[in-house]
Protein backbone atom coordinates (compact mmCIF):
# COMPACT_ATOMS: atom_id res chain seq x y z
CA UNK A 1 33.01 -96.87 -40.98
CA UNK A 2 32.11 -93.23 -41.38
CA UNK A 3 33.62 -90.76 -38.91
CA UNK A 4 31.28 -88.59 -36.85
CA UNK A 5 31.79 -85.44 -38.92
CA UNK A 6 31.05 -87.23 -42.20
CA UNK A 7 28.05 -88.95 -40.67
CA UNK A 8 26.65 -85.61 -39.48
CA UNK A 9 27.04 -84.19 -42.99
CA UNK A 10 25.49 -87.32 -44.48
CA UNK A 11 22.46 -86.90 -42.21
CA UNK A 12 22.12 -83.11 -42.53
CA UNK A 13 22.22 -83.18 -46.33
CA UNK A 14 19.08 -85.27 -46.94
CA UNK A 15 17.29 -83.48 -44.09
CA UNK A 16 17.86 -80.14 -45.84
CA UNK A 17 16.80 -81.55 -49.17
CA UNK A 18 13.70 -83.21 -47.78
CA UNK A 19 12.55 -79.86 -46.39
CA UNK A 20 12.17 -78.79 -50.03
CA UNK A 21 10.17 -81.89 -50.99
CA UNK A 22 6.43 -82.31 -51.18
CA UNK A 23 4.53 -84.21 -48.52
CA UNK A 24 4.07 -87.10 -50.99
CA UNK A 25 7.82 -87.25 -51.59
CA UNK A 26 8.49 -87.26 -47.84
CA UNK A 27 5.95 -90.07 -47.38
CA UNK A 28 7.72 -92.09 -50.09
CA UNK A 29 11.02 -91.54 -48.29
CA UNK A 30 9.44 -92.76 -45.04
CA UNK A 31 8.04 -95.82 -46.83
CA UNK A 32 11.52 -96.73 -48.00
CA UNK A 33 13.46 -96.01 -44.83
CA UNK A 34 10.92 -96.30 -42.01
CA UNK A 35 7.98 -98.41 -43.22
CA UNK A 36 6.69 -99.04 -39.70
CA UNK A 37 6.64 -95.31 -38.85
CA UNK A 38 5.13 -93.62 -41.90
CA UNK A 39 4.09 -90.53 -39.96
CA UNK A 40 7.43 -90.06 -38.22
CA UNK A 41 9.10 -86.67 -38.71
CA UNK A 42 11.68 -86.78 -41.50
CA UNK A 43 14.51 -85.69 -39.21
CA UNK A 44 13.80 -88.63 -36.90
CA UNK A 45 13.74 -91.05 -39.82
CA UNK A 46 17.10 -89.79 -41.11
CA UNK A 47 18.62 -89.82 -37.61
CA UNK A 48 17.54 -93.44 -37.13
CA UNK A 49 18.91 -94.67 -40.47
CA UNK A 50 21.86 -97.03 -40.62
CA UNK A 51 24.97 -95.15 -41.70
CA UNK A 52 25.42 -97.50 -44.66
CA UNK A 53 22.15 -96.22 -46.19
CA UNK A 54 23.00 -92.51 -45.97
CA UNK A 55 24.91 -92.26 -49.25
CA UNK A 56 22.03 -93.74 -51.22
CA UNK A 57 19.51 -91.57 -49.38
CA UNK A 58 21.50 -88.42 -50.24
CA UNK A 59 21.56 -89.47 -53.90
CA UNK A 60 17.82 -90.17 -53.94
CA UNK A 61 16.92 -86.84 -52.35
CA UNK A 62 19.23 -84.93 -54.71
CA UNK A 63 17.77 -86.77 -57.68
CA UNK A 64 14.26 -85.83 -56.58
CA UNK A 65 15.25 -82.17 -56.22
CA UNK A 66 16.98 -82.19 -59.61
CA UNK A 67 13.89 -83.64 -61.31
CA UNK A 68 11.67 -81.05 -59.64
CA UNK A 69 13.97 -78.22 -60.76
CA UNK A 70 14.03 -79.54 -64.32
CA UNK A 71 10.24 -79.86 -64.34
CA UNK A 72 9.86 -76.30 -63.00
CA UNK A 73 12.24 -74.97 -65.64
CA UNK A 74 10.28 -76.72 -68.39
CA UNK A 75 7.01 -75.33 -67.06
CA UNK A 76 8.48 -71.83 -67.08
CA UNK A 77 9.52 -72.25 -70.71
CA UNK A 78 5.97 -73.22 -71.66
CA UNK A 79 4.39 -70.32 -69.78
CA UNK A 80 6.88 -67.64 -70.83
């Protein structure tokens, strides 16, 4: 069981990352974690998640951000 401080961090981290994501990426996140509430605000979806899914959610969001950064870097190389 995750203590309260760790759980807060584990919820705040994907929330912050998801703020940097596109609307399509946020919708995909909602499809995975809240399929019955696709239009729910991301913060509500993350707050309602089971604690045992938070680690995977953090990894998925970070992976999405990493791919976007890599793609942006490659685009800058091609346009420079």
